[in-house]
Protein backbone atom coordinates (compact mmCIF):
# COMPACT_ATOMS: atom_id res chain seq x y z
CA MET A 1 13.78 14.22 -9.07
CA ASN A 2 17.56 14.01 -9.47
CA GLU A 3 18.52 12.39 -12.79
CA ASN A 4 20.85 9.89 -11.14
CA ILE A 5 18.18 8.81 -8.66
CA THR A 6 15.68 8.44 -11.49
CA LYS A 7 18.03 6.19 -13.44
CA ARG A 8 18.66 4.05 -10.38
CA ASN A 9 14.91 3.80 -9.72
CA GLU A 10 14.21 2.77 -13.31
CA LEU A 11 16.74 -0.05 -13.12
CA LEU A 12 15.61 -1.18 -9.67
CA ALA A 13 11.96 -1.09 -10.71
CA GLN A 14 12.65 -3.49 -13.58
CA LYS A 15 14.17 -5.94 -11.10
CA VAL A 16 11.18 -5.58 -8.78
CA ILE A 17 8.72 -6.08 -11.65
CA LYS A 18 10.46 -9.31 -12.66
CA GLY A 19 10.24 -10.45 -9.05
CA LEU A 20 6.53 -9.65 -8.95
CA GLU A 21 5.94 -11.56 -12.17
CA SER A 22 7.64 -14.62 -10.67
CA ARG A 23 5.14 -14.37 -7.82
CA ASN A 24 2.04 -14.19 -10.04
CA MET A 25 1.67 -10.44 -9.51
CA THR A 26 1.84 -7.62 -12.06
CA GLY A 27 4.16 -4.65 -11.74
CA TYR A 28 4.27 -1.27 -13.47
CA TYR A 29 6.72 1.61 -13.38
CA ALA A 30 5.56 5.21 -13.35
CA ALA A 31 8.10 7.95 -13.99
CA ASN A 32 6.08 10.42 -11.90
CA GLN A 33 2.83 10.84 -9.98
CA LYS A 34 0.86 11.88 -13.06
CA GLU A 35 1.85 8.69 -14.85
CA ALA A 36 1.02 6.63 -11.76
CA LEU A 37 -2.48 8.13 -11.71
CA LYS A 38 -2.96 7.28 -15.38
CA ILE A 39 -1.92 3.65 -14.87
CA ALA A 40 -4.17 3.29 -11.82
CA LEU A 41 -7.23 4.65 -13.63
CA GLU A 42 -6.58 2.32 -16.57
CA LEU A 43 -6.77 -0.58 -14.12
CA ILE A 44 -10.10 0.55 -12.63
CA PRO A 45 -13.15 0.32 -14.93
CA GLU A 46 -15.85 2.94 -14.52
CA LYS A 47 -18.86 1.85 -12.41
CA SER A 48 -16.50 -0.24 -10.25
CA THR A 49 -16.95 -0.45 -6.50
CA ILE A 50 -13.72 0.70 -4.90
CA THR A 51 -12.53 0.93 -1.33
CA MET A 52 -9.23 1.33 0.44
CA GLY A 53 -7.27 1.40 3.66
CA GLY A 54 -5.49 4.50 4.90
CA CYS A 55 -3.39 4.75 1.75
CA MET A 56 -1.68 8.15 1.77
CA SER A 57 0.06 7.32 -1.50
CA ALA A 58 -3.28 7.09 -3.32
CA HIS A 59 -4.13 10.56 -2.02
CA GLU A 60 -0.73 11.93 -3.01
CA ILE A 61 -1.00 10.93 -6.67
CA GLY A 62 -4.55 12.33 -6.89
CA LEU A 63 -6.25 8.94 -7.25
CA VAL A 64 -8.74 9.35 -4.42
CA GLU A 65 -9.89 12.72 -5.74
CA ALA A 66 -10.24 11.31 -9.26
CA LEU A 67 -12.36 8.41 -8.02
CA LYS A 68 -14.61 10.64 -5.92
CA ASN A 69 -15.19 12.93 -8.89
CA GLY A 70 -15.53 10.16 -11.49
CA ASP A 71 -18.11 7.56 -12.40
CA TYR A 72 -17.18 5.13 -9.66
CA ASN A 73 -18.79 3.73 -6.54
CA PHE A 74 -16.12 4.85 -4.09
CA ILE A 75 -16.70 3.65 -0.53
CA ASP A 76 -15.18 6.31 1.70
CA ARG A 77 -14.74 4.94 5.20
CA TYR A 78 -14.45 8.47 6.60
CA SER A 79 -18.04 9.18 5.55
CA TYR A 80 -19.35 6.45 7.85
CA GLU A 81 -20.24 7.05 11.50
CA ASP A 82 -18.85 3.59 12.24
CA PRO A 83 -15.93 2.76 9.88
CA ARG A 84 -16.60 -0.93 10.42
CA ASP A 85 -19.70 -0.55 8.22
CA ALA A 86 -17.34 0.39 5.40
CA TYR A 87 -14.87 -2.35 6.27
CA ARG A 88 -17.57 -5.01 5.87
CA GLN A 89 -18.15 -3.98 2.26
CA VAL A 90 -14.50 -4.50 1.35
CA PHE A 91 -14.74 -8.21 0.60
CA ASP A 92 -17.27 -7.74 -2.20
CA ALA A 93 -15.48 -4.75 -3.77
CA ASP A 94 -14.23 -4.81 -7.33
CA CYS A 95 -11.03 -3.06 -6.36
CA TYR A 96 -9.07 -2.32 -3.20
CA LEU A 97 -6.41 0.39 -3.00
CA SER A 98 -3.41 0.19 -0.72
CA SER A 99 0.27 0.84 -0.43
CA VAL A 100 2.84 -1.27 1.39
CA ASN A 101 4.80 -0.57 4.52
CA ALA A 102 7.76 -2.04 2.66
CA MET A 103 8.62 -4.48 -0.11
CA THR A 104 11.65 -6.36 -1.33
CA GLU A 105 13.63 -6.07 -4.53
CA ASP A 106 12.36 -9.51 -5.55
CA GLY A 107 8.69 -8.67 -5.09
CA VAL A 108 7.68 -9.66 -1.55
CA LEU A 109 5.15 -7.28 0.04
CA VAL A 110 5.25 -6.49 3.77
CA ASN A 111 2.37 -4.91 5.68
CA ILE A 112 1.59 -4.30 9.35
CA ASP A 113 -1.89 -3.51 10.65
CA GLY A 114 -3.62 -2.59 13.87
CA ASN A 115 -7.32 -3.22 13.23
CA SER A 116 -6.48 -5.82 10.58
CA ASN A 117 -9.09 -4.50 8.13
CA ARG A 118 -6.35 -3.69 5.62
CA VAL A 119 -4.28 -6.88 5.77
CA SER A 120 -7.40 -9.05 5.70
CA ALA A 121 -8.54 -7.30 2.49
CA LEU A 122 -5.11 -7.68 0.93
CA ALA A 123 -5.10 -11.40 1.68
CA PHE A 124 -8.65 -12.20 0.62
CA GLY A 125 -11.80 -10.67 -0.79
CA PRO A 126 -11.62 -7.83 -3.31
CA LYS A 127 -11.38 -8.99 -6.92
CA LYS A 128 -8.43 -6.70 -7.64
CA VAL A 129 -5.85 -5.10 -5.35
CA ILE A 130 -3.83 -2.11 -6.56
CA PHE A 131 -0.76 -1.05 -4.60
CA ILE A 132 0.66 2.47 -5.06
CA VAL A 133 4.30 2.22 -3.97
CA GLY A 134 6.94 4.93 -3.88
CA MET A 135 10.43 3.66 -4.64
CA ASN A 136 11.42 4.77 -1.14
CA LYS A 137 9.70 1.64 0.19
CA VAL A 138 11.79 -0.89 -1.75
CA CYS A 139 14.26 -2.77 0.48
CA ASN A 140 16.94 -5.37 -0.14
CA ASP A 141 15.25 -8.36 1.44
CA THR A 142 12.45 -9.47 3.75
CA ASP A 143 14.43 -8.74 6.93
CA SER A 144 15.19 -5.17 5.87
CA ALA A 145 11.61 -4.71 4.68
CA MET A 146 10.30 -5.83 8.05
CA LYS A 147 12.71 -3.48 9.81
CA ARG A 148 11.49 -0.61 7.65
CA ALA A 149 7.86 -1.44 8.37
CA ARG A 150 8.46 -1.57 12.13
CA ASN A 151 10.98 1.26 12.52
CA VAL A 152 9.89 3.76 9.86
CA ALA A 153 6.25 3.23 8.87
CA ALA A 154 4.86 2.18 12.25
CA PRO A 155 6.33 5.02 14.36
CA ILE A 156 5.26 7.65 11.82
CA ASN A 157 1.73 6.27 11.66
CA ALA A 158 1.54 6.05 15.45
CA GLN A 159 2.56 9.70 15.64
CA ARG A 160 0.11 10.62 12.86
CA PHE A 161 -2.79 9.07 14.75
CA GLY A 162 -1.70 10.48 18.11
CA LEU A 163 -1.24 7.04 19.66
CA ASN A 164 0.40 6.49 23.02
CA THR A 165 3.01 3.93 21.98
CA PRO A 166 6.72 3.78 22.82
CA CYS A 167 7.62 4.16 19.14
CA SER A 168 5.64 7.41 18.88
CA LYS A 169 7.99 8.84 21.51
CA THR A 170 11.30 7.22 20.50
CA GLY A 171 10.80 6.98 16.73
CA ALA A 172 11.80 3.31 16.74
CA CYS A 173 10.09 -0.01 17.38
CA MET A 174 10.24 -1.17 21.00
CA ASP A 175 8.39 -4.45 20.30
CA CYS A 176 5.70 -3.19 22.64
CA LYS A 177 2.41 -4.66 23.81
CA SER A 178 0.85 -1.27 24.34
CA PRO A 179 -2.97 -1.09 24.10
CA ASP A 180 -2.42 1.47 21.33
CA THR A 181 -0.04 -0.67 19.30
CA ILE A 182 -0.68 -0.76 15.55
CA CYS A 183 1.65 -3.73 15.08
CA CYS A 184 -1.01 -6.39 15.70
CA GLN A 185 -0.96 -8.29 12.44
CA PHE A 186 1.96 -8.85 10.05
CA LEU A 187 1.22 -9.89 6.48
CA ILE A 188 3.96 -11.06 4.13
CA THR A 189 2.67 -11.57 0.59
CA ARG A 190 5.15 -13.76 -1.27
CA TYR A 191 2.84 -15.14 -3.97
CA SER A 192 -0.61 -14.45 -5.39
CA LYS A 193 -2.77 -17.54 -5.74
CA HIS A 194 -5.02 -15.77 -8.25
CA GLU A 195 -3.52 -14.46 -11.48
CA GLY A 196 -4.47 -10.87 -12.31
CA ARG A 197 -5.52 -9.97 -8.76
CA ILE A 198 -2.50 -8.06 -7.41
CA HIS A 199 -1.10 -5.05 -9.27
CA VAL A 200 1.82 -2.97 -7.98
CA ILE A 201 2.48 0.52 -9.40
CA LEU A 202 6.04 1.56 -8.58
CA VAL A 203 6.38 5.34 -8.60
CA ASN A 204 9.59 7.27 -9.14
CA ASP A 205 8.93 9.40 -6.08
CA THR A 206 8.93 9.39 -2.30
CA LEU A 207 5.37 8.50 -1.30
CA GLY A 208 3.74 7.63 1.99
CA PHE A 209 5.64 6.55 5.08
């Protein structure tokens, strides 16, 4: 990555980490994907039961592959005939992996969900939640984070899943009520009630959508 961008990301990440700390969450900065993988694995004890949403960032840094090949009980929803059978196991998991659709410079996390399995797990259940977040997802404030979630993440995901939504055709949110909409639930995480539950790994890279 460009040296100037890296320096900017380092400085911004320190601001974000301070914001997370003020919200009873823990932040980390990884200079690259390899370092992000190392931090994530240090947070996940062997023998743990782990599950996740559709977190592309976890795939990109090699975390999913490492968990599948390691001494972990990894619940892979894609191995189930009915994914809801995997979703039901989420609330008793030791660790849940996710990214964010966007987050703010002062540590507020913004997520949008269609089936709501992901946002429900983020809000309650798993003992530990680990977010893998590329610096491309950090926004100035909650309004800009929400705009990113609705106008960048949502249209790309709708296109990725082949959904018949206005945003999949226009590339921007139309505030639709389409049967295929994935913007059903909005979760803004501004504070963690439980110390040590939420961990955010900020990665000096462009990850996810």
